[in-house]
Amino acid sequence: GSSNTCTWSMRYHMFGENMGTFEVYVEQSGSFTRILQKIGQQHTSTTDEYDLLTYDLMPLFAGQDIRIYCIQKHLANVSFKGDVAIDALKLTTNGTEVDFSAENNAAKWVEGGEHGTLTAAQTNSSWTALNTTLDTRKWNIEAGPTVSSATGPDQAYDNNIETNYIYWEASVSGQSLPQTKWYPLRTNNVISVPS
């Protein structure tokens, strides 16, 4: 058997009473394998530590080209308190880490707008760079607390208020959404998992 190792790891922060559902997938040739699903808020404060996801890519994806997808589902008729944040994103191959966090690595991610179904979010073909200034109902790059009160983290995972992280901004002037929508984020380029 192969002695190669390849692991995806990331931190996520989900504080806000209208959090919805956050999912992480590994995509390979149009097929999606869900490696995380969290429904509703997972934290009770902006200052809570981020939770950890670690996933071994070797059993299912050895020798394959993949992408990582993060998809936020925001429910209809709820408020703005649903800012999910991700940080400390890393690919570790045979002990060597590649950083996918927002700090200096924004180009490693693209976001895919708003969709009426999960399938539409997964099969989206129009991807754009992450926003470095606030854009509502989009994946953004931020440092410090998110602009909305009572949701999101107070800073990046490293507890540095100057460090950038990636988050999805739930609000549009505090208005609720008339239909449930899905918002995809994915790695821009493919990741080659060793054989």
N, C-alpha and C. Protein backbone atom coordinates (compact mmCIF):
# COMPACT_ATOMS: atom_id res chain seq x y z
N GLY A 1 0.82 -1.21 0.00
CA GLY A 1 0.00 0.00 0.00
C GLY A 1 0.84 1.25 0.00
N SER A 2 0.22 2.37 -0.32
CA SER A 2 0.92 3.65 -0.38
C SER A 2 1.29 4.13 1.02
N SER A 3 2.45 4.76 1.10
CA SER A 3 2.85 5.38 2.38
C SER A 3 2.57 6.88 2.38
N ASN A 4 1.96 7.37 1.30
CA ASN A 4 1.62 8.79 1.23
C ASN A 4 0.49 9.13 2.20
N THR A 5 0.52 10.38 2.67
CA THR A 5 -0.57 10.89 3.51
C THR A 5 -1.05 12.21 2.93
N CYS A 6 -2.35 12.47 3.08
CA CYS A 6 -2.91 13.73 2.59
C CYS A 6 -4.19 14.03 3.38
N THR A 7 -4.18 15.16 4.08
CA THR A 7 -5.28 15.51 4.98
C THR A 7 -5.74 16.93 4.72
N TRP A 8 -7.05 17.14 4.73
CA TRP A 8 -7.62 18.48 4.70
C TRP A 8 -8.07 18.84 6.12
N SER A 9 -7.70 20.05 6.59
CA SER A 9 -8.17 20.49 7.89
C SER A 9 -8.59 21.95 7.82
N MET A 10 -9.53 22.32 8.67
CA MET A 10 -10.03 23.68 8.69
C MET A 10 -10.75 23.93 10.01
N ARG A 11 -10.88 25.19 10.36
CA ARG A 11 -11.64 25.62 11.53
C ARG A 11 -12.89 26.35 11.06
N TYR A 12 -13.98 26.19 11.83
CA TYR A 12 -15.22 26.89 11.48
C TYR A 12 -15.85 27.46 12.74
N HIS A 13 -16.53 28.59 12.55
CA HIS A 13 -17.18 29.31 13.65
C HIS A 13 -18.62 29.60 13.22
N MET A 14 -19.59 29.16 14.04
CA MET A 14 -21.01 29.29 13.68
C MET A 14 -21.80 29.81 14.87
N PHE A 15 -21.77 31.12 15.05
CA PHE A 15 -22.55 31.77 16.10
C PHE A 15 -23.58 32.67 15.46
N GLY A 16 -24.84 32.51 15.88
CA GLY A 16 -25.94 33.31 15.36
C GLY A 16 -27.21 32.48 15.35
N GLU A 17 -28.30 33.01 15.86
CA GLU A 17 -29.52 32.21 16.04
C GLU A 17 -30.17 31.82 14.72
N ASN A 18 -29.76 32.43 13.61
CA ASN A 18 -30.32 32.10 12.30
C ASN A 18 -29.25 31.50 11.39
N MET A 19 -28.41 30.63 11.95
CA MET A 19 -27.22 30.16 11.26
C MET A 19 -27.51 29.34 10.01
N GLY A 20 -28.58 28.57 9.97
CA GLY A 20 -28.80 27.71 8.81
C GLY A 20 -27.90 26.48 8.86
N THR A 21 -27.49 25.98 7.70
CA THR A 21 -26.69 24.76 7.61
C THR A 21 -25.40 25.03 6.86
N PHE A 22 -24.29 24.59 7.43
CA PHE A 22 -22.98 24.71 6.79
C PHE A 22 -22.48 23.32 6.44
N GLU A 23 -22.07 23.15 5.17
CA GLU A 23 -21.59 21.85 4.71
C GLU A 23 -20.27 22.01 3.98
N VAL A 24 -19.42 20.98 4.11
CA VAL A 24 -18.16 20.93 3.38
C VAL A 24 -18.15 19.64 2.56
N TYR A 25 -17.74 19.76 1.30
CA TYR A 25 -17.71 18.63 0.38
C TYR A 25 -16.34 18.51 -0.27
N VAL A 26 -16.00 17.28 -0.63
CA VAL A 26 -14.90 17.03 -1.56
C VAL A 26 -15.53 16.72 -2.91
N GLU A 27 -15.14 17.49 -3.93
CA GLU A 27 -15.67 17.28 -5.29
C GLU A 27 -14.60 16.62 -6.14
N GLN A 28 -14.98 15.56 -6.82
CA GLN A 28 -14.07 14.86 -7.72
C GLN A 28 -14.85 14.45 -8.96
N SER A 29 -14.47 15.05 -10.10
CA SER A 29 -15.12 14.77 -11.39
C SER A 29 -16.64 14.92 -11.32
N GLY A 30 -17.11 15.96 -10.63
CA GLY A 30 -18.53 16.25 -10.56
C GLY A 30 -19.29 15.47 -9.51
N SER A 31 -18.62 14.61 -8.78
CA SER A 31 -19.24 13.86 -7.69
C SER A 31 -18.87 14.51 -6.36
N PHE A 32 -19.84 14.62 -5.46
CA PHE A 32 -19.65 15.34 -4.20
C PHE A 32 -19.75 14.40 -3.01
N THR A 33 -18.73 14.40 -2.17
CA THR A 33 -18.71 13.62 -0.93
C THR A 33 -18.74 14.58 0.24
N ARG A 34 -19.80 14.53 1.03
CA ARG A 34 -19.93 15.45 2.16
C ARG A 34 -19.04 14.99 3.32
N ILE A 35 -18.22 15.91 3.83
CA ILE A 35 -17.33 15.56 4.93
C ILE A 35 -17.67 16.34 6.20
N LEU A 36 -18.60 17.26 6.10
CA LEU A 36 -19.08 17.97 7.30
C LEU A 36 -20.49 18.50 7.04
N GLN A 37 -21.36 18.37 8.03
CA GLN A 37 -22.67 19.04 8.01
C GLN A 37 -22.97 19.51 9.43
N LYS A 38 -23.15 20.81 9.59
CA LYS A 38 -23.52 21.39 10.88
C LYS A 38 -24.78 22.22 10.69
N ILE A 39 -25.82 21.89 11.46
CA ILE A 39 -27.12 22.54 11.33
C ILE A 39 -27.35 23.44 12.54
N GLY A 40 -27.60 24.71 12.28
CA GLY A 40 -27.84 25.66 13.36
C GLY A 40 -26.56 26.12 14.02
N GLN A 41 -26.69 27.07 14.92
CA GLN A 41 -25.48 27.62 15.53
C GLN A 41 -24.78 26.57 16.38
N GLN A 42 -23.46 26.58 16.32
CA GLN A 42 -22.61 25.64 17.05
C GLN A 42 -21.88 26.32 18.20
N HIS A 43 -21.96 27.64 18.26
CA HIS A 43 -21.25 28.41 19.28
C HIS A 43 -22.23 29.36 19.97
N THR A 44 -21.84 29.87 21.11
CA THR A 44 -22.74 30.71 21.90
C THR A 44 -22.26 32.14 22.04
N SER A 45 -21.13 32.46 21.41
CA SER A 45 -20.55 33.80 21.56
C SER A 45 -19.63 34.10 20.39
N THR A 46 -19.45 35.38 20.13
CA THR A 46 -18.47 35.79 19.11
C THR A 46 -17.06 35.41 19.51
N THR A 47 -16.82 35.25 20.80
CA THR A 47 -15.47 34.97 21.30
C THR A 47 -15.16 33.48 21.43
N ASP A 48 -16.12 32.61 21.14
CA ASP A 48 -15.86 31.17 21.21
C ASP A 48 -14.75 30.77 20.24
N GLU A 49 -13.96 29.77 20.63
CA GLU A 49 -12.94 29.22 19.73
C GLU A 49 -13.62 28.51 18.55
N TYR A 50 -12.98 28.55 17.41
CA TYR A 50 -13.45 27.83 16.23
C TYR A 50 -13.35 26.32 16.48
N ASP A 51 -14.28 25.55 15.89
CA ASP A 51 -14.20 24.09 15.93
C ASP A 51 -13.32 23.58 14.79
N LEU A 52 -12.84 22.34 14.93
CA LEU A 52 -11.89 21.75 13.98
C LEU A 52 -12.55 20.65 13.16
N LEU A 53 -12.31 20.68 11.85
CA LEU A 53 -12.60 19.55 10.96
C LEU A 53 -11.27 19.06 10.40
N THR A 54 -11.03 17.76 10.54
CA THR A 54 -9.87 17.11 9.91
C THR A 54 -10.37 15.92 9.12
N TYR A 55 -9.94 15.80 7.86
CA TYR A 55 -10.45 14.73 6.99
C TYR A 55 -9.29 14.11 6.22
N ASP A 56 -9.17 12.81 6.31
CA ASP A 56 -8.14 12.06 5.59
C ASP A 56 -8.60 11.82 4.15
N LEU A 57 -7.90 12.41 3.20
CA LEU A 57 -8.30 12.31 1.79
C LEU A 57 -7.86 11.00 1.11
N MET A 58 -6.93 10.27 1.73
CA MET A 58 -6.33 9.11 1.04
C MET A 58 -7.29 7.95 0.77
N PRO A 59 -8.16 7.58 1.72
CA PRO A 59 -8.96 6.37 1.44
C PRO A 59 -9.83 6.47 0.19
N LEU A 60 -10.46 7.63 -0.02
CA LEU A 60 -11.39 7.77 -1.14
C LEU A 60 -10.80 8.46 -2.37
N PHE A 61 -9.75 9.27 -2.17
CA PHE A 61 -9.34 10.17 -3.25
C PHE A 61 -7.88 10.04 -3.66
N ALA A 62 -7.20 8.99 -3.26
CA ALA A 62 -5.80 8.79 -3.65
C ALA A 62 -5.65 8.80 -5.17
N GLY A 63 -4.71 9.60 -5.66
CA GLY A 63 -4.45 9.68 -7.09
C GLY A 63 -5.44 10.51 -7.88
N GLN A 64 -6.34 11.22 -7.18
CA GLN A 64 -7.39 12.00 -7.84
C GLN A 64 -7.15 13.50 -7.71
N ASP A 65 -7.73 14.25 -8.65
CA ASP A 65 -7.78 15.71 -8.54
C ASP A 65 -9.12 16.10 -7.93
N ILE A 66 -9.08 16.91 -6.90
CA ILE A 66 -10.30 17.26 -6.17
C ILE A 66 -10.39 18.78 -5.99
N ARG A 67 -11.54 19.22 -5.55
CA ARG A 67 -11.73 20.57 -5.02
C ARG A 67 -12.50 20.46 -3.70
N ILE A 68 -12.27 21.43 -2.83
CA ILE A 68 -13.03 21.54 -1.59
C ILE A 68 -14.13 22.57 -1.79
N TYR A 69 -15.37 22.21 -1.43
CA TYR A 69 -16.51 23.13 -1.51
C TYR A 69 -17.03 23.38 -0.09
N CYS A 70 -17.31 24.64 0.23
CA CYS A 70 -18.01 25.01 1.45
C CYS A 70 -19.32 25.67 1.02
N ILE A 71 -20.44 25.18 1.53
CA ILE A 71 -21.75 25.68 1.10
C ILE A 71 -22.58 26.07 2.31
N GLN A 72 -23.03 27.31 2.33
CA GLN A 72 -23.91 27.80 3.40
C GLN A 72 -25.35 27.84 2.90
N LYS A 73 -26.24 27.20 3.66
CA LYS A 73 -27.68 27.23 3.38
C LYS A 73 -28.32 28.22 4.34
N HIS A 74 -28.95 29.26 3.79
CA HIS A 74 -29.61 30.28 4.61
C HIS A 74 -31.11 30.15 4.45
N LEU A 75 -31.81 30.03 5.55
CA LEU A 75 -33.24 29.73 5.51
C LEU A 75 -34.08 30.96 5.21
N ALA A 76 -35.26 30.73 4.67
CA ALA A 76 -36.22 31.80 4.38
C ALA A 76 -36.77 32.39 5.68
N ASN A 77 -37.06 33.68 5.63
CA ASN A 77 -37.81 34.37 6.68
C ASN A 77 -37.13 34.32 8.05
N VAL A 78 -35.81 34.45 8.05
CA VAL A 78 -35.07 34.59 9.30
C VAL A 78 -34.21 35.85 9.20
N SER A 79 -33.62 36.24 10.33
CA SER A 79 -32.89 37.50 10.37
C SER A 79 -31.45 37.33 9.89
N PHE A 80 -30.67 38.37 10.13
CA PHE A 80 -29.30 38.47 9.65
C PHE A 80 -28.29 37.69 10.48
N LYS A 81 -28.73 37.04 11.56
CA LYS A 81 -27.78 36.43 12.49
C LYS A 81 -27.37 35.04 12.02
N GLY A 82 -26.58 35.02 10.94
CA GLY A 82 -26.16 33.76 10.35
C GLY A 82 -24.81 33.81 9.68
N ASP A 83 -23.87 34.55 10.27
CA ASP A 83 -22.54 34.70 9.66
C ASP A 83 -21.63 33.53 10.05
N VAL A 84 -21.37 32.63 9.11
CA VAL A 84 -20.45 31.51 9.35
C VAL A 84 -19.05 31.94 8.91
N ALA A 85 -18.04 31.54 9.66
CA ALA A 85 -16.65 31.89 9.35
C ALA A 85 -15.79 30.64 9.28
N ILE A 86 -14.77 30.67 8.40
CA ILE A 86 -13.82 29.56 8.29
C ILE A 86 -12.41 30.13 8.31
N ASP A 87 -11.49 29.35 8.83
CA ASP A 87 -10.11 29.82 8.95
C ASP A 87 -9.20 28.62 9.20
N ALA A 88 -7.89 28.88 9.23
CA ALA A 88 -6.87 27.84 9.45
C ALA A 88 -7.08 26.68 8.48
N LEU A 89 -7.26 27.01 7.21
CA LEU A 89 -7.53 26.03 6.16
C LEU A 89 -6.20 25.48 5.64
N LYS A 90 -6.03 24.16 5.71
CA LYS A 90 -4.73 23.58 5.38
C LYS A 90 -4.87 22.25 4.65
N LEU A 91 -4.00 22.06 3.67
CA LEU A 91 -3.80 20.77 3.03
C LEU A 91 -2.43 20.28 3.48
N THR A 92 -2.38 19.10 4.10
CA THR A 92 -1.11 18.56 4.58
C THR A 92 -0.82 17.26 3.84
N THR A 93 0.23 17.29 3.01
CA THR A 93 0.62 16.14 2.19
C THR A 93 2.00 15.67 2.60
N ASN A 94 2.07 14.45 3.09
CA ASN A 94 3.34 13.88 3.55
C ASN A 94 4.07 14.82 4.50
N GLY A 95 3.30 15.43 5.40
CA GLY A 95 3.87 16.30 6.42
C GLY A 95 4.12 17.73 6.00
N THR A 96 3.89 18.06 4.73
CA THR A 96 4.10 19.42 4.23
C THR A 96 2.76 20.13 4.12
N GLU A 97 2.66 21.27 4.79
CA GLU A 97 1.40 22.02 4.81
C GLU A 97 1.34 23.06 3.69
N VAL A 98 0.18 23.17 3.06
CA VAL A 98 -0.12 24.26 2.14
C VAL A 98 -1.27 25.04 2.76
N ASP A 99 -1.05 26.33 2.96
CA ASP A 99 -2.04 27.18 3.63
C ASP A 99 -3.08 27.67 2.64
N PHE A 100 -4.35 27.48 2.98
CA PHE A 100 -5.46 27.98 2.17
C PHE A 100 -6.25 29.05 2.92
N SER A 101 -5.72 29.56 4.02
CA SER A 101 -6.40 30.59 4.78
C SER A 101 -6.42 31.90 4.00
N ALA A 102 -7.24 32.84 4.45
CA ALA A 102 -7.44 34.09 3.70
C ALA A 102 -6.19 34.97 3.69
N GLU A 103 -5.38 34.87 4.74
CA GLU A 103 -4.21 35.73 4.84
C GLU A 103 -3.22 35.39 3.72
N ASN A 104 -3.12 36.28 2.73
CA ASN A 104 -2.20 36.13 1.59
C ASN A 104 -2.59 35.03 0.60
N ASN A 105 -3.74 34.40 0.80
CA ASN A 105 -4.14 33.28 -0.06
C ASN A 105 -5.54 33.45 -0.64
N ALA A 106 -6.00 34.68 -0.73
CA ALA A 106 -7.38 34.90 -1.19
C ALA A 106 -7.64 34.29 -2.56
N ALA A 107 -6.64 34.28 -3.43
CA ALA A 107 -6.84 33.78 -4.79
C ALA A 107 -7.05 32.27 -4.84
N LYS A 108 -6.85 31.59 -3.72
CA LYS A 108 -7.06 30.14 -3.70
C LYS A 108 -8.54 29.77 -3.59
N TRP A 109 -9.42 30.76 -3.40
CA TRP A 109 -10.85 30.52 -3.25
C TRP A 109 -11.64 31.38 -4.23
N VAL A 110 -12.78 30.87 -4.65
CA VAL A 110 -13.74 31.63 -5.46
C VAL A 110 -15.14 31.37 -4.91
N GLU A 111 -16.03 32.34 -5.10
CA GLU A 111 -17.40 32.18 -4.59
C GLU A 111 -18.39 32.19 -5.73
N GLY A 112 -19.54 31.52 -5.48
CA GLY A 112 -20.44 31.22 -6.58
C GLY A 112 -21.83 31.80 -6.51
N GLY A 113 -22.03 32.85 -5.71
CA GLY A 113 -23.32 33.53 -5.73
C GLY A 113 -24.42 32.77 -5.00
N GLU A 114 -25.66 33.02 -5.43
CA GLU A 114 -26.86 32.56 -4.74
C GLU A 114 -27.63 31.57 -5.60
N HIS A 115 -28.13 30.48 -4.98
CA HIS A 115 -28.81 29.42 -5.74
C HIS A 115 -30.04 28.91 -4.99
N GLY A 116 -31.02 28.44 -5.75
CA GLY A 116 -32.27 27.98 -5.18
C GLY A 116 -32.26 26.54 -4.70
N THR A 117 -31.22 25.76 -5.07
CA THR A 117 -31.10 24.38 -4.63
C THR A 117 -29.64 24.07 -4.33
N LEU A 118 -29.42 23.02 -3.53
CA LEU A 118 -28.06 22.57 -3.27
C LEU A 118 -27.38 22.12 -4.55
N THR A 119 -28.09 21.38 -5.39
CA THR A 119 -27.50 20.90 -6.65
C THR A 119 -27.06 22.06 -7.53
N ALA A 120 -27.87 23.10 -7.59
CA ALA A 120 -27.49 24.27 -8.40
C ALA A 120 -26.23 24.93 -7.84
N ALA A 121 -26.11 24.97 -6.52
CA ALA A 121 -24.91 25.54 -5.90
C ALA A 121 -23.68 24.69 -6.22
N GLN A 122 -23.85 23.38 -6.22
CA GLN A 122 -22.72 22.48 -6.49
C GLN A 122 -22.30 22.53 -7.95
N THR A 123 -23.24 22.67 -8.85
CA THR A 123 -22.93 22.62 -10.28
C THR A 123 -22.77 24.00 -10.91
N ASN A 124 -22.76 25.03 -10.08
CA ASN A 124 -22.56 26.39 -10.55
C ASN A 124 -21.32 26.49 -11.43
N SER A 125 -21.41 27.30 -12.50
CA SER A 125 -20.27 27.45 -13.42
C SER A 125 -19.73 28.87 -13.44
N SER A 126 -20.28 29.77 -12.64
CA SER A 126 -19.84 31.16 -12.63
C SER A 126 -19.23 31.46 -11.26
N TRP A 127 -17.90 31.63 -11.24
CA TRP A 127 -17.17 31.84 -9.99
C TRP A 127 -16.44 33.16 -10.04
N THR A 128 -16.39 33.85 -8.91
CA THR A 128 -15.72 35.14 -8.84
C THR A 128 -14.81 35.20 -7.61
N ALA A 129 -13.91 36.16 -7.62
CA ALA A 129 -12.99 36.34 -6.51
C ALA A 129 -13.74 36.73 -5.24
N LEU A 130 -13.17 36.41 -4.11
CA LEU A 130 -13.77 36.80 -2.84
C LEU A 130 -13.72 38.32 -2.68
N ASN A 131 -14.70 38.84 -1.94
CA ASN A 131 -14.79 40.27 -1.71
C ASN A 131 -13.87 40.66 -0.56
N THR A 132 -13.09 41.69 -0.78
CA THR A 132 -12.23 42.19 0.29
C THR A 132 -12.85 43.41 0.97
N THR A 133 -13.97 43.88 0.44
CA THR A 133 -14.82 44.84 1.15
C THR A 133 -16.17 44.17 1.30
N LEU A 134 -16.90 44.53 2.34
CA LEU A 134 -18.14 43.83 2.68
C LEU A 134 -19.12 43.79 1.51
N ASP A 135 -19.63 42.60 1.22
CA ASP A 135 -20.72 42.43 0.27
C ASP A 135 -21.72 41.47 0.90
N THR A 136 -22.98 41.85 0.91
CA THR A 136 -23.98 41.07 1.62
C THR A 136 -24.39 39.83 0.83
N ARG A 137 -24.70 38.76 1.60
CA ARG A 137 -25.02 37.44 1.06
C ARG A 137 -23.95 36.97 0.08
N LYS A 138 -22.72 37.21 0.46
CA LYS A 138 -21.56 36.75 -0.30
C LYS A 138 -20.50 36.24 0.68
N TRP A 139 -19.57 35.46 0.16
CA TRP A 139 -18.38 35.09 0.92
C TRP A 139 -17.39 36.24 0.84
N ASN A 140 -16.93 36.68 1.98
CA ASN A 140 -16.06 37.85 2.10
C ASN A 140 -14.77 37.49 2.83
N ILE A 141 -13.80 38.39 2.72
CA ILE A 141 -12.59 38.34 3.53
C ILE A 141 -12.67 39.46 4.54
N GLU A 142 -12.40 39.14 5.80
CA GLU A 142 -12.60 40.09 6.89
C GLU A 142 -11.49 39.93 7.92
N ALA A 143 -11.23 40.98 8.67
CA ALA A 143 -10.40 40.92 9.87
C ALA A 143 -11.21 41.55 11.00
N GLY A 144 -11.02 41.05 12.22
CA GLY A 144 -11.81 41.56 13.34
C GLY A 144 -13.22 41.02 13.29
N PRO A 145 -14.16 41.63 14.02
CA PRO A 145 -15.54 41.13 14.05
C PRO A 145 -16.28 41.41 12.76
N THR A 146 -17.30 40.58 12.47
CA THR A 146 -18.17 40.88 11.33
C THR A 146 -19.02 42.11 11.67
N VAL A 147 -19.61 42.71 10.64
CA VAL A 147 -20.33 43.97 10.85
C VAL A 147 -21.65 43.79 11.60
N SER A 148 -22.20 42.57 11.57
CA SER A 148 -23.48 42.33 12.22
C SER A 148 -23.30 41.98 13.69
N SER A 149 -24.19 42.48 14.53
CA SER A 149 -24.13 42.15 15.96
C SER A 149 -24.72 40.77 16.22
N ALA A 150 -24.26 40.11 17.28
CA ALA A 150 -24.79 38.84 17.76
C ALA A 150 -24.67 37.71 16.73
N THR A 151 -23.63 37.78 15.90
CA THR A 151 -23.34 36.70 14.95
C THR A 151 -21.91 36.85 14.46
N GLY A 152 -21.35 35.72 14.02
CA GLY A 152 -19.98 35.72 13.53
C GLY A 152 -18.95 35.72 14.64
N PRO A 153 -17.67 35.54 14.29
CA PRO A 153 -16.60 35.59 15.29
C PRO A 153 -16.13 37.02 15.55
N ASP A 154 -15.37 37.19 16.62
CA ASP A 154 -14.80 38.52 16.89
C ASP A 154 -13.47 38.73 16.19
N GLN A 155 -12.86 37.64 15.68
CA GLN A 155 -11.58 37.75 14.99
C GLN A 155 -11.22 36.41 14.37
N ALA A 156 -10.08 36.36 13.73
CA ALA A 156 -9.60 35.13 13.10
C ALA A 156 -9.25 34.08 14.15
N TYR A 157 -9.02 32.84 13.68
CA TYR A 157 -8.74 31.74 14.59
C TYR A 157 -7.49 31.98 15.44
N ASP A 158 -6.51 32.70 14.90
CA ASP A 158 -5.26 32.92 15.64
C ASP A 158 -5.38 34.01 16.73
N ASN A 159 -6.62 34.51 16.93
CA ASN A 159 -6.89 35.53 17.95
C ASN A 159 -6.16 36.85 17.69
N ASN A 160 -5.87 37.09 16.42
CA ASN A 160 -5.25 38.34 16.01
C ASN A 160 -6.29 39.15 15.25
N ILE A 161 -6.60 40.32 15.77
CA ILE A 161 -7.66 41.15 15.17
C ILE A 161 -7.27 41.70 13.80
N GLU A 162 -5.98 41.59 13.45
CA GLU A 162 -5.49 42.07 12.15
C GLU A 162 -5.48 40.98 11.08
N THR A 163 -5.65 39.72 11.47
CA THR A 163 -5.56 38.61 10.52
C THR A 163 -6.87 38.43 9.77
N ASN A 164 -6.77 38.22 8.47
CA ASN A 164 -7.96 37.98 7.65
C ASN A 164 -8.47 36.55 7.82
N TYR A 165 -9.78 36.41 7.71
CA TYR A 165 -10.43 35.10 7.62
C TYR A 165 -11.54 35.20 6.58
N ILE A 166 -12.17 34.09 6.26
CA ILE A 166 -13.24 34.04 5.26
C ILE A 166 -14.57 33.85 5.99
N TYR A 167 -15.58 34.63 5.58
CA TYR A 167 -16.90 34.42 6.19
C TYR A 167 -18.01 34.76 5.21
N TRP A 168 -19.20 34.22 5.51
CA TRP A 168 -20.39 34.51 4.70
C TRP A 168 -21.27 35.48 5.47
N GLU A 169 -21.58 36.60 4.84
CA GLU A 169 -22.38 37.66 5.46
C GLU A 169 -23.86 37.44 5.16
N ALA A 170 -24.66 37.27 6.22
CA ALA A 170 -26.06 36.89 6.06
C ALA A 170 -27.00 38.06 5.75
N SER A 171 -26.62 39.26 6.10
CA SER A 171 -27.61 40.34 6.10
C SER A 171 -27.66 41.15 4.81
N VAL A 172 -28.84 41.65 4.53
CA VAL A 172 -29.05 42.71 3.55
C VAL A 172 -29.92 43.74 4.25
N SER A 173 -29.28 44.73 4.87
CA SER A 173 -29.98 45.77 5.63
C SER A 173 -30.96 45.17 6.64
N GLY A 174 -30.61 44.01 7.20
CA GLY A 174 -31.44 43.37 8.20
C GLY A 174 -32.67 42.67 7.66
N GLN A 175 -32.82 42.65 6.34
CA GLN A 175 -34.02 42.04 5.77
C GLN A 175 -33.90 40.52 5.76
N SER A 176 -35.04 39.85 5.87
CA SER A 176 -35.05 38.40 5.74
C SER A 176 -35.15 38.00 4.27
N LEU A 177 -34.88 36.74 4.03
CA LEU A 177 -34.86 36.20 2.67
C LEU A 177 -36.19 35.49 2.41
N PRO A 178 -36.89 35.79 1.30
CA PRO A 178 -38.20 35.15 1.09
C PRO A 178 -38.12 33.67 0.74
N GLN A 179 -36.97 33.21 0.21
CA GLN A 179 -36.80 31.78 -0.08
C GLN A 179 -35.46 31.31 0.50
N THR A 180 -35.41 30.03 0.86
CA THR A 180 -34.16 29.42 1.28
C THR A 180 -33.19 29.40 0.09
N LYS A 181 -31.91 29.74 0.37
CA LYS A 181 -30.90 29.81 -0.70
C LYS A 181 -29.61 29.13 -0.24
N TRP A 182 -28.81 28.73 -1.23
CA TRP A 182 -27.51 28.09 -0.99
C TRP A 182 -26.40 28.93 -1.62
N TYR A 183 -25.26 29.03 -0.90
CA TYR A 183 -24.17 29.91 -1.30
C TYR A 183 -22.85 29.13 -1.30
N PRO A 184 -22.30 28.81 -2.49
CA PRO A 184 -21.09 27.99 -2.54
C PRO A 184 -19.79 28.80 -2.57
N LEU A 185 -18.79 28.20 -1.96
CA LEU A 185 -17.41 28.67 -1.99
C LEU A 185 -16.56 27.46 -2.32
N ARG A 186 -15.54 27.61 -3.16
CA ARG A 186 -14.72 26.44 -3.48
C ARG A 186 -13.27 26.84 -3.70
N THR A 187 -12.37 25.85 -3.62
CA THR A 187 -10.98 26.09 -3.99
C THR A 187 -10.94 26.38 -5.49
N ASN A 188 -10.14 27.36 -5.86
CA ASN A 188 -10.08 27.81 -7.25
C ASN A 188 -9.48 26.74 -8.15
N ASN A 189 -8.34 26.22 -7.76
CA ASN A 189 -7.65 25.21 -8.56
C ASN A 189 -7.85 23.83 -7.96
N VAL A 190 -7.63 22.81 -8.79
CA VAL A 190 -7.75 21.46 -8.28
C VAL A 190 -6.59 21.16 -7.33
N ILE A 191 -6.83 20.25 -6.42
CA ILE A 191 -5.84 19.76 -5.47
C ILE A 191 -5.53 18.32 -5.89
N SER A 192 -4.27 18.02 -6.13
CA SER A 192 -3.88 16.68 -6.53
C SER A 192 -3.51 15.84 -5.31
N VAL A 193 -4.30 14.82 -5.04
CA VAL A 193 -4.04 13.92 -3.93
C VAL A 193 -3.06 12.85 -4.41
N PRO A 194 -1.99 12.56 -3.68
CA PRO A 194 -1.02 11.57 -4.15
C PRO A 194 -1.62 10.17 -4.17
N SER A 195 -1.00 9.31 -4.97
CA SER A 195 -1.48 7.93 -5.09
C SER A 195 -1.06 7.10 -3.87
